[in-house]
Amino acid sequence: MGWLLGLPLGIFRVLFSLVMLALRLAVPIVIIVVIVVLYRRSKGTSAEQPRQEQPKEPEFDGPVYTVDYEEVDEDEAP
Protein backbone atom coordinates (compact mmCIF):
# COMPACT_ATOMS: atom_id res chain seq x y z
CA MET A 1 0.00 0.00 0.00
CA GLY A 2 2.98 2.30 0.60
CA TRP A 3 4.13 2.08 -3.02
CA LEU A 4 0.66 2.76 -4.30
CA LEU A 5 0.52 6.12 -2.56
CA GLY A 6 4.22 6.95 -2.11
CA LEU A 7 5.37 6.53 -5.72
CA PRO A 8 2.83 8.93 -7.28
CA LEU A 9 3.50 11.48 -4.54
CA GLY A 10 7.26 11.18 -5.12
CA ILE A 11 6.83 11.65 -8.87
CA PHE A 12 4.54 14.63 -8.21
CA ARG A 13 7.15 16.15 -5.87
CA VAL A 14 9.92 15.76 -8.49
CA LEU A 15 7.75 17.27 -11.24
CA PHE A 16 6.72 20.13 -8.96
CA SER A 17 10.36 20.89 -8.13
CA LEU A 18 11.25 20.91 -11.85
CA VAL A 19 8.38 23.29 -12.61
CA MET A 20 9.45 25.59 -9.77
CA LEU A 21 13.05 25.55 -11.04
CA ALA A 22 11.87 26.42 -14.55
CA LEU A 23 9.80 29.30 -13.16
CA ARG A 24 12.75 30.54 -11.11
CA LEU A 25 14.83 30.71 -14.27
CA ALA A 26 12.12 31.91 -16.67
CA VAL A 27 10.65 34.77 -14.64
CA PRO A 28 13.90 36.80 -14.36
CA ILE A 29 14.65 36.20 -18.04
CA VAL A 30 11.18 37.42 -19.04
CA ILE A 31 11.55 40.49 -16.81
CA ILE A 32 14.93 41.34 -18.36
CA VAL A 33 13.57 40.90 -21.90
CA VAL A 34 10.60 43.16 -21.15
CA ILE A 35 12.89 45.84 -19.69
CA VAL A 36 15.20 45.70 -22.73
CA VAL A 37 12.28 45.90 -25.18
CA LEU A 38 10.75 48.86 -23.34
CA TYR A 39 14.12 50.62 -23.16
CA ARG A 40 14.79 50.13 -26.87
CA ARG A 41 11.28 51.28 -27.73
CA SER A 42 11.73 54.45 -25.65
CA LYS A 43 15.07 55.21 -27.35
CA GLY A 44 13.59 54.72 -30.81
CA THR A 45 11.97 57.36 -32.95
CA SER A 46 9.50 59.56 -31.17
CA ALA A 47 6.84 62.03 -32.32
CA GLU A 48 9.29 64.92 -31.86
CA GLN A 49 11.88 63.49 -34.22
CA PRO A 50 10.50 62.64 -37.64
CA ARG A 51 11.95 59.48 -39.10
CA GLN A 52 14.58 60.21 -41.74
CA GLU A 53 13.76 58.52 -45.00
CA GLN A 54 16.48 56.51 -46.65
CA PRO A 55 17.51 57.81 -50.07
CA LYS A 56 15.92 55.75 -52.81
CA GLU A 57 18.30 53.67 -54.85
CA PRO A 58 18.35 54.52 -58.56
CA GLU A 59 16.73 52.03 -60.90
CA PHE A 60 18.36 51.04 -64.16
CA ASP A 61 16.81 49.18 -67.06
CA GLY A 62 20.06 47.88 -68.52
CA PRO A 63 23.47 46.79 -67.33
CA VAL A 64 25.62 49.23 -65.41
CA TYR A 65 29.28 49.45 -66.37
CA THR A 66 31.93 50.88 -64.09
CA VAL A 67 35.49 51.79 -64.96
CA ASP A 68 38.45 52.12 -62.62
CA TYR A 69 40.81 54.89 -63.67
CA GLU A 70 43.82 56.69 -62.32
CA GLU A 71 44.15 60.41 -61.91
CA VAL A 72 46.35 61.66 -64.76
CA ASP A 73 48.01 65.02 -64.70
CA GLU A 74 47.45 67.08 -67.83
CA ASP A 75 51.20 67.55 -68.26
CA GLU A 76 51.81 63.77 -68.54
CA ALA A 77 49.09 63.16 -71.12
CA PRO A 78 50.49 62.32 -74.62
PDB file of N, CA and C in Angstrom:
ATOM      1  N   MET A   1       0.814  -1.182   0.000  1.00  0.00           N
ATOM      2  CA  MET A   1       0.000   0.000   0.000  1.00  0.00           C
ATOM      3  C   MET A   1       0.869   1.263   0.000  1.00  0.00           C
ATOM      4  N   GLY A   2       2.086   1.152   0.556  1.00  0.00           N
ATOM      5  CA  GLY A   2       2.983   2.302   0.598  1.00  0.00           C
ATOM      6  C   GLY A   2       3.414   2.736  -0.790  1.00  0.00           C
ATOM      7  N   TRP A   3       3.718   1.770  -1.654  1.00  0.00           N
ATOM      8  CA  TRP A   3       4.132   2.082  -3.016  1.00  0.00           C
ATOM      9  C   TRP A   3       2.991   2.702  -3.817  1.00  0.00           C
ATOM     10  N   LEU A   4       1.812   2.275  -3.547  1.00  0.00           N
ATOM     11  CA  LEU A   4       0.663   2.759  -4.296  1.00  0.00           C
ATOM     12  C   LEU A   4       0.414   4.248  -4.057  1.00  0.00           C
ATOM     13  N   LEU A   5       0.715   4.711  -2.876  1.00  0.00           N
ATOM     14  CA  LEU A   5       0.525   6.122  -2.557  1.00  0.00           C
ATOM     15  C   LEU A   5       1.841   6.890  -2.604  1.00  0.00           C
ATOM     16  N   GLY A   6       2.931   6.272  -2.207  1.00  0.00           N
ATOM     17  CA  GLY A   6       4.220   6.953  -2.113  1.00  0.00           C
ATOM     18  C   GLY A   6       4.845   7.247  -3.462  1.00  0.00           C
ATOM     19  N   LEU A   7       4.746   6.327  -4.406  1.00  0.00           N
ATOM     20  CA  LEU A   7       5.370   6.534  -5.718  1.00  0.00           C
ATOM     21  C   LEU A   7       4.732   7.692  -6.474  1.00  0.00           C
ATOM     22  N   PRO A   8       3.406   7.765  -6.583  1.00  0.00           N
ATOM     23  CA  PRO A   8       2.835   8.928  -7.275  1.00  0.00           C
ATOM     24  C   PRO A   8       3.142  10.247  -6.583  1.00  0.00           C
ATOM     25  N   LEU A   9       3.159  10.243  -5.248  1.00  0.00           N
ATOM     26  CA  LEU A   9       3.500  11.478  -4.543  1.00  0.00           C
ATOM     27  C   LEU A   9       4.958  11.862  -4.765  1.00  0.00           C
ATOM     28  N   GLY A  10       5.846  10.898  -4.835  1.00  0.00           N
ATOM     29  CA  GLY A  10       7.258  11.177  -5.118  1.00  0.00           C
ATOM     30  C   GLY A  10       7.447  11.729  -6.524  1.00  0.00           C
ATOM     31  N   ILE A  11       6.742  11.143  -7.487  1.00  0.00           N
ATOM     32  CA  ILE A  11       6.827  11.649  -8.872  1.00  0.00           C
ATOM     33  C   ILE A  11       6.265  13.065  -8.936  1.00  0.00           C
ATOM     34  N   PHE A  12       5.136  13.299  -8.234  1.00  0.00           N
ATOM     35  CA  PHE A  12       4.544  14.629  -8.213  1.00  0.00           C
ATOM     36  C   PHE A  12       5.508  15.645  -7.595  1.00  0.00           C
ATOM     37  N   ARG A  13       6.206  15.245  -6.522  1.00  0.00           N
ATOM     38  CA  ARG A  13       7.154  16.145  -5.869  1.00  0.00           C
ATOM     39  C   ARG A  13       8.309  16.496  -6.803  1.00  0.00           C
ATOM     40  N   VAL A  14       8.829  15.514  -7.553  1.00  0.00           N
ATOM     41  CA  VAL A  14       9.920  15.761  -8.494  1.00  0.00           C
ATOM     42  C   VAL A  14       9.449  16.683  -9.615  1.00  0.00           C
ATOM     43  N   LEU A  15       8.273  16.423 -10.173  1.00  0.00           N
ATOM     44  CA  LEU A  15       7.748  17.270 -11.242  1.00  0.00           C
ATOM     45  C   LEU A  15       7.501  18.696 -10.747  1.00  0.00           C
ATOM     46  N   PHE A  16       6.972  18.808  -9.523  1.00  0.00           N
ATOM     47  CA  PHE A  16       6.720  20.126  -8.955  1.00  0.00           C
ATOM     48  C   PHE A  16       8.023  20.892  -8.760  1.00  0.00           C
ATOM     49  N   SER A  17       9.078  20.203  -8.317  1.00  0.00           N
ATOM     50  CA  SER A  17      10.362  20.891  -8.133  1.00  0.00           C
ATOM     51  C   SER A  17      10.956  21.321  -9.472  1.00  0.00           C
ATOM     52  N   LEU A  18      10.763  20.517 -10.521  1.00  0.00           N
ATOM     53  CA  LEU A  18      11.254  20.908 -11.849  1.00  0.00           C
ATOM     54  C   LEU A  18      10.488  22.113 -12.390  1.00  0.00           C
ATOM     55  N   VAL A  19       9.181  22.142 -12.164  1.00  0.00           N
ATOM     56  CA  VAL A  19       8.379  23.288 -12.606  1.00  0.00           C
ATOM     57  C   VAL A  19       8.804  24.541 -11.852  1.00  0.00           C
ATOM     58  N   MET A  20       9.024  24.428 -10.558  1.00  0.00           N
ATOM     59  CA  MET A  20       9.453  25.586  -9.773  1.00  0.00           C
ATOM     60  C   MET A  20      10.832  26.071 -10.210  1.00  0.00           C
ATOM     61  N   LEU A  21      11.728  25.159 -10.545  1.00  0.00           N
ATOM     62  CA  LEU A  21      13.052  25.545 -11.041  1.00  0.00           C
ATOM     63  C   LEU A  21      12.924  26.273 -12.371  1.00  0.00           C
ATOM     64  N   ALA A  22      12.071  25.764 -13.256  1.00  0.00           N
ATOM     65  CA  ALA A  22      11.869  26.420 -14.546  1.00  0.00           C
ATOM     66  C   ALA A  22      11.297  27.820 -14.353  1.00  0.00           C
ATOM     67  N   LEU A  23      10.360  27.973 -13.421  1.00  0.00           N
ATOM     68  CA  LEU A  23       9.801  29.297 -13.159  1.00  0.00           C
ATOM     69  C   LEU A  23      10.837  30.232 -12.559  1.00  0.00           C
ATOM     70  N   ARG A  24      11.694  29.710 -11.692  1.00  0.00           N
ATOM     71  CA  ARG A  24      12.748  30.538 -11.115  1.00  0.00           C
ATOM     72  C   ARG A  24      13.700  31.056 -12.171  1.00  0.00           C
ATOM     73  N   LEU A  25      13.933  30.278 -13.201  1.00  0.00           N
ATOM     74  CA  LEU A  25      14.826  30.714 -14.273  1.00  0.00           C
ATOM     75  C   LEU A  25      14.089  31.570 -15.305  1.00  0.00           C
ATOM     76  N   ALA A  26      12.844  31.240 -15.597  1.00  0.00           N
ATOM     77  CA  ALA A  26      12.121  31.911 -16.668  1.00  0.00           C
ATOM     78  C   ALA A  26      11.646  33.302 -16.270  1.00  0.00           C
ATOM     79  N   VAL A  27      11.202  33.478 -15.041  1.00  0.00           N
ATOM     80  CA  VAL A  27      10.653  34.770 -14.638  1.00  0.00           C
ATOM     81  C   VAL A  27      11.698  35.884 -14.719  1.00  0.00           C
ATOM     82  N   PRO A  28      12.915  35.719 -14.198  1.00  0.00           N
ATOM     83  CA  PRO A  28      13.902  36.805 -14.358  1.00  0.00           C
ATOM     84  C   PRO A  28      14.263  37.061 -15.822  1.00  0.00           C
ATOM     85  N   ILE A  29      14.330  36.012 -16.619  1.00  0.00           N
ATOM     86  CA  ILE A  29      14.654  36.197 -18.035  1.00  0.00           C
ATOM     87  C   ILE A  29      13.551  36.996 -18.725  1.00  0.00           C
ATOM     88  N   VAL A  30      12.299  36.686 -18.443  1.00  0.00           N
ATOM     89  CA  VAL A  30      11.182  37.415 -19.043  1.00  0.00           C
ATOM     90  C   VAL A  30      11.202  38.872 -18.587  1.00  0.00           C
ATOM     91  N   ILE A  31      11.491  39.113 -17.321  1.00  0.00           N
ATOM     92  CA  ILE A  31      11.547  40.485 -16.814  1.00  0.00           C
ATOM     93  C   ILE A  31      12.647  41.264 -17.511  1.00  0.00           C
ATOM     94  N   ILE A  32      13.812  40.668 -17.683  1.00  0.00           N
ATOM     95  CA  ILE A  32      14.934  41.336 -18.362  1.00  0.00           C
ATOM     96  C   ILE A  32      14.575  41.631 -19.813  1.00  0.00           C
ATOM     97  N   VAL A  33      13.951  40.689 -20.492  1.00  0.00           N
ATOM     98  CA  VAL A  33      13.572  40.898 -21.895  1.00  0.00           C
ATOM     99  C   VAL A  33      12.565  42.037 -22.013  1.00  0.00           C
ATOM    100  N   VAL A  34      11.593  42.089 -21.116  1.00  0.00           N
ATOM    101  CA  VAL A  34      10.596  43.163 -21.150  1.00  0.00           C
ATOM    102  C   VAL A  34      11.265  44.511 -20.909  1.00  0.00           C
ATOM    103  N   ILE A  35      12.188  44.584 -19.970  1.00  0.00           N
ATOM    104  CA  ILE A  35      12.893  45.836 -19.694  1.00  0.00           C
ATOM    105  C   ILE A  35      13.698  46.279 -20.910  1.00  0.00           C
ATOM    106  N   VAL A  36      14.390  45.363 -21.549  1.00  0.00           N
ATOM    107  CA  VAL A  36      15.201  45.704 -22.727  1.00  0.00           C
ATOM    108  C   VAL A  36      14.307  46.181 -23.865  1.00  0.00           C
ATOM    109  N   VAL A  37      13.186  45.502 -24.099  1.00  0.00           N
ATOM    110  CA  VAL A  37      12.278  45.905 -25.176  1.00  0.00           C
ATOM    111  C   VAL A  37      11.706  47.294 -24.905  1.00  0.00           C
ATOM    112  N   LEU A  38      11.282  47.540 -23.674  1.00  0.00           N
ATOM    113  CA  LEU A  38      10.745  48.858 -23.344  1.00  0.00           C
ATOM    114  C   LEU A  38      11.805  49.944 -23.456  1.00  0.00           C
ATOM    115  N   TYR A  39      13.033  49.652 -23.051  1.00  0.00           N
ATOM    116  CA  TYR A  39      14.121  50.619 -23.159  1.00  0.00           C
ATOM    117  C   TYR A  39      14.423  50.943 -24.620  1.00  0.00           C
ATOM    118  N   ARG A  40      14.506  49.895 -25.453  1.00  0.00           N
ATOM    119  CA  ARG A  40      14.791  50.126 -26.869  1.00  0.00           C
ATOM    120  C   ARG A  40      13.658  50.871 -27.547  1.00  0.00           C
ATOM    121  N   ARG A  41      12.414  50.592 -27.146  1.00  0.00           N
ATOM    122  CA  ARG A  41      11.281  51.285 -27.731  1.00  0.00           C
ATOM    123  C   ARG A  41      11.289  52.761 -27.338  1.00  0.00           C
ATOM    124  N   SER A  42      11.701  53.059 -26.093  1.00  0.00           N
ATOM    125  CA  SER A  42      11.730  54.454 -25.649  1.00  0.00           C
ATOM    126  C   SER A  42      12.866  55.218 -26.319  1.00  0.00           C
ATOM    127  N   LYS A  43      13.941  54.554 -26.690  1.00  0.00           N
ATOM    128  CA  LYS A  43      15.071  55.212 -27.346  1.00  0.00           C
ATOM    129  C   LYS A  43      14.873  55.324 -28.852  1.00  0.00           C
ATOM    130  N   GLY A  44      13.852  54.690 -29.375  1.00  0.00           N
ATOM    131  CA  GLY A  44      13.593  54.718 -30.815  1.00  0.00           C
ATOM    132  C   GLY A  44      13.068  56.072 -31.251  1.00  0.00           C
ATOM    133  N   THR A  45      12.508  56.110 -32.431  1.00  0.00           N
ATOM    134  CA  THR A  45      11.974  57.360 -32.951  1.00  0.00           C
ATOM    135  C   THR A  45      10.755  57.772 -32.145  1.00  0.00           C
ATOM    136  N   SER A  46      10.645  59.049 -31.914  1.00  0.00           N
ATOM    137  CA  SER A  46       9.498  59.559 -31.167  1.00  0.00           C
ATOM    138  C   SER A  46       8.744  60.536 -32.054  1.00  0.00           C
ATOM    139  N   ALA A  47       7.657  61.099 -31.544  1.00  0.00           N
ATOM    140  CA  ALA A  47       6.841  62.027 -32.315  1.00  0.00           C
ATOM    141  C   ALA A  47       7.599  63.330 -32.573  1.00  0.00           C
ATOM    142  N   GLU A  48       8.530  63.678 -31.691  1.00  0.00           N
ATOM    143  CA  GLU A  48       9.286  64.916 -31.860  1.00  0.00           C
ATOM    144  C   GLU A  48      10.279  64.818 -33.010  1.00  0.00           C
ATOM    145  N   GLN A  49      10.872  63.671 -33.181  1.00  0.00           N
ATOM    146  CA  GLN A  49      11.876  63.486 -34.221  1.00  0.00           C
ATOM    147  C   GLN A  49      11.264  62.718 -35.377  1.00  0.00           C
ATOM    148  N   PRO A  50      11.045  63.380 -36.502  1.00  0.00           N
ATOM    149  CA  PRO A  50      10.505  62.638 -37.642  1.00  0.00           C
ATOM    150  C   PRO A  50      11.537  61.647 -38.162  1.00  0.00           C
ATOM    151  N   ARG A  51      11.068  60.533 -38.599  1.00  0.00           N
ATOM    152  CA  ARG A  51      11.953  59.485 -39.102  1.00  0.00           C
ATOM    153  C   ARG A  51      12.572  59.941 -40.418  1.00  0.00           C
ATOM    154  N   GLN A  52      13.897  59.818 -40.510  1.00  0.00           N
ATOM    155  CA  GLN A  52      14.582  60.205 -41.742  1.00  0.00           C
ATOM    156  C   GLN A  52      14.407  59.101 -42.768  1.00  0.00           C
ATOM    157  N   GLU A  53      13.962  59.511 -43.950  1.00  0.00           N
ATOM    158  CA  GLU A  53      13.764  58.517 -44.996  1.00  0.00           C
ATOM    159  C   GLU A  53      15.092  58.193 -45.653  1.00  0.00           C
ATOM    160  N   GLN A  54      15.270  56.943 -45.970  1.00  0.00           N
ATOM    161  CA  GLN A  54      16.478  56.506 -46.654  1.00  0.00           C
ATOM    162  C   GLN A  54      16.402  56.966 -48.099  1.00  0.00           C
ATOM    163  N   PRO A  55      17.538  57.407 -48.659  1.00  0.00           N
ATOM    164  CA  PRO A  55      17.506  57.806 -50.066  1.00  0.00           C
ATOM    165  C   PRO A  55      17.178  56.596 -50.939  1.00  0.00           C
ATOM    166  N   LYS A  56      16.348  56.838 -51.939  1.00  0.00           N
ATOM    167  CA  LYS A  56      15.917  55.754 -52.811  1.00  0.00           C
ATOM    168  C   LYS A  56      17.041  55.406 -53.779  1.00  0.00           C
ATOM    169  N   GLU A  57      17.280  54.133 -53.928  1.00  0.00           N
ATOM    170  CA  GLU A  57      18.305  53.673 -54.852  1.00  0.00           C
ATOM    171  C   GLU A  57      17.836  53.905 -56.281  1.00  0.00           C
ATOM    172  N   PRO A  58      18.757  54.326 -57.160  1.00  0.00           N
ATOM    173  CA  PRO A  58      18.352  54.524 -58.557  1.00  0.00           C
ATOM    174  C   PRO A  58      18.028  53.184 -59.219  1.00  0.00           C
ATOM    175  N   GLU A  59      17.111  53.232 -60.153  1.00  0.00           N
ATOM    176  CA  GLU A  59      16.732  52.025 -60.895  1.00  0.00           C
ATOM    177  C   GLU A  59      17.254  52.139 -62.323  1.00  0.00           C
ATOM    178  N   PHE A  60      17.808  51.064 -62.813  1.00  0.00           N
ATOM    179  CA  PHE A  60      18.360  51.039 -64.161  1.00  0.00           C
ATOM    180  C   PHE A  60      17.701  49.919 -64.937  1.00  0.00           C
ATOM    181  N   ASP A  61      17.430  50.201 -66.217  1.00  0.00           N
ATOM    182  CA  ASP A  61      16.808  49.185 -67.057  1.00  0.00           C
ATOM    183  C   ASP A  61      17.836  48.232 -67.643  1.00  0.00           C
ATOM    184  N   GLY A  62      19.051  48.706 -67.877  1.00  0.00           N
ATOM    185  CA  GLY A  62      20.063  47.875 -68.520  1.00  0.00           C
ATOM    186  C   GLY A  62      21.235  47.631 -67.602  1.00  0.00           C
ATOM    187  N   PRO A  63      22.283  47.051 -68.151  1.00  0.00           N
ATOM    188  CA  PRO A  63      23.474  46.786 -67.334  1.00  0.00           C
ATOM    189  C   PRO A  63      24.191  48.088 -66.984  1.00  0.00           C
ATOM    190  N   VAL A  64      24.868  48.066 -65.873  1.00  0.00           N
ATOM    191  CA  VAL A  64      25.622  49.226 -65.411  1.00  0.00           C
ATOM    192  C   VAL A  64      27.092  48.873 -65.491  1.00  0.00           C
ATOM    193  N   TYR A  65      27.857  49.701 -66.200  1.00  0.00           N
ATOM    194  CA  TYR A  65      29.282  49.455 -66.369  1.00  0.00           C
ATOM    195  C   TYR A  65      30.050  50.467 -65.540  1.00  0.00           C
ATOM    196  N   THR A  66      31.067  49.988 -64.848  1.00  0.00           N
ATOM    197  CA  THR A  66      31.932  50.882 -64.086  1.00  0.00           C
ATOM    198  C   THR A  66      33.354  50.725 -64.588  1.00  0.00           C
ATOM    199  N   VAL A  67      34.113  51.793 -64.476  1.00  0.00           N
ATOM    200  CA  VAL A  67      35.495  51.791 -64.960  1.00  0.00           C
ATOM    201  C   VAL A  67      36.368  52.324 -63.846  1.00  0.00           C
ATOM    202  N   ASP A  68      37.459  51.617 -63.557  1.00  0.00           N
ATOM    203  CA  ASP A  68      38.452  52.123 -62.623  1.00  0.00           C
ATOM    204  C   ASP A  68      39.475  52.920 -63.426  1.00  0.00           C
ATOM    205  N   TYR A  69      39.831  54.085 -62.964  1.00  0.00           N
ATOM    206  CA  TYR A  69      40.811  54.893 -63.675  1.00  0.00           C
ATOM    207  C   TYR A  69      41.702  55.580 -62.671  1.00  0.00           C
ATOM    208  N   GLU A  70      42.867  55.979 -63.155  1.00  0.00           N
ATOM    209  CA  GLU A  70      43.818  56.693 -62.323  1.00  0.00           C
ATOM    210  C   GLU A  70      43.741  58.172 -62.647  1.00  0.00           C
ATOM    211  N   GLU A  71      44.051  58.989 -61.661  1.00  0.00           N
ATOM    212  CA  GLU A  71      44.152  60.409 -61.914  1.00  0.00           C
ATOM    213  C   GLU A  71      45.394  60.649 -62.759  1.00  0.00           C
ATOM    214  N   VAL A  72      45.232  61.378 -63.855  1.00  0.00           N
ATOM    215  CA  VAL A  72      46.352  61.661 -64.761  1.00  0.00           C
ATOM    216  C   VAL A  72      46.506  63.168 -64.810  1.00  0.00           C
ATOM    217  N   ASP A  73      47.749  63.607 -64.584  1.00  0.00           N
ATOM    218  CA  ASP A  73      48.009  65.023 -64.700  1.00  0.00           C
ATOM    219  C   ASP A  73      47.960  65.417 -66.175  1.00  0.00           C
ATOM    220  N   GLU A  74      47.553  66.640 -66.445  1.00  0.00           N
ATOM    221  CA  GLU A  74      47.447  67.083 -67.826  1.00  0.00           C
ATOM    222  C   GLU A  74      48.811  67.182 -68.482  1.00  0.00           C
ATOM    223  N   ASP A  75      49.863  67.405 -67.695  1.00  0.00           N
ATOM    224  CA  ASP A  75      51.201  67.546 -68.260  1.00  0.00           C
ATOM    225  C   ASP A  75      51.719  66.204 -68.775  1.00  0.00           C
ATOM    226  N   GLU A  76      51.319  65.095 -68.157  1.00  0.00           N
ATOM    227  CA  GLU A  76      51.809  63.774 -68.543  1.00  0.00           C
ATOM    228  C   GLU A  76      51.044  63.175 -69.703  1.00  0.00           C
ATOM    229  N   ALA A  77      49.908  63.722 -70.065  1.00  0.00           N
ATOM    230  CA  ALA A  77      49.089  63.155 -71.116  1.00  0.00           C
ATOM    231  C   ALA A  77      49.800  63.289 -72.464  1.00  0.00           C
ATOM    232  N   PRO A  78      49.780  62.251 -73.319  1.00  0.00           N
ATOM    233  CA  PRO A  78      50.494  62.319 -74.620  1.00  0.00           C
ATOM    234  C   PRO A  78      49.849  63.277 -75.594  1.00  0.00           C
TER     235      PRO A  78
END
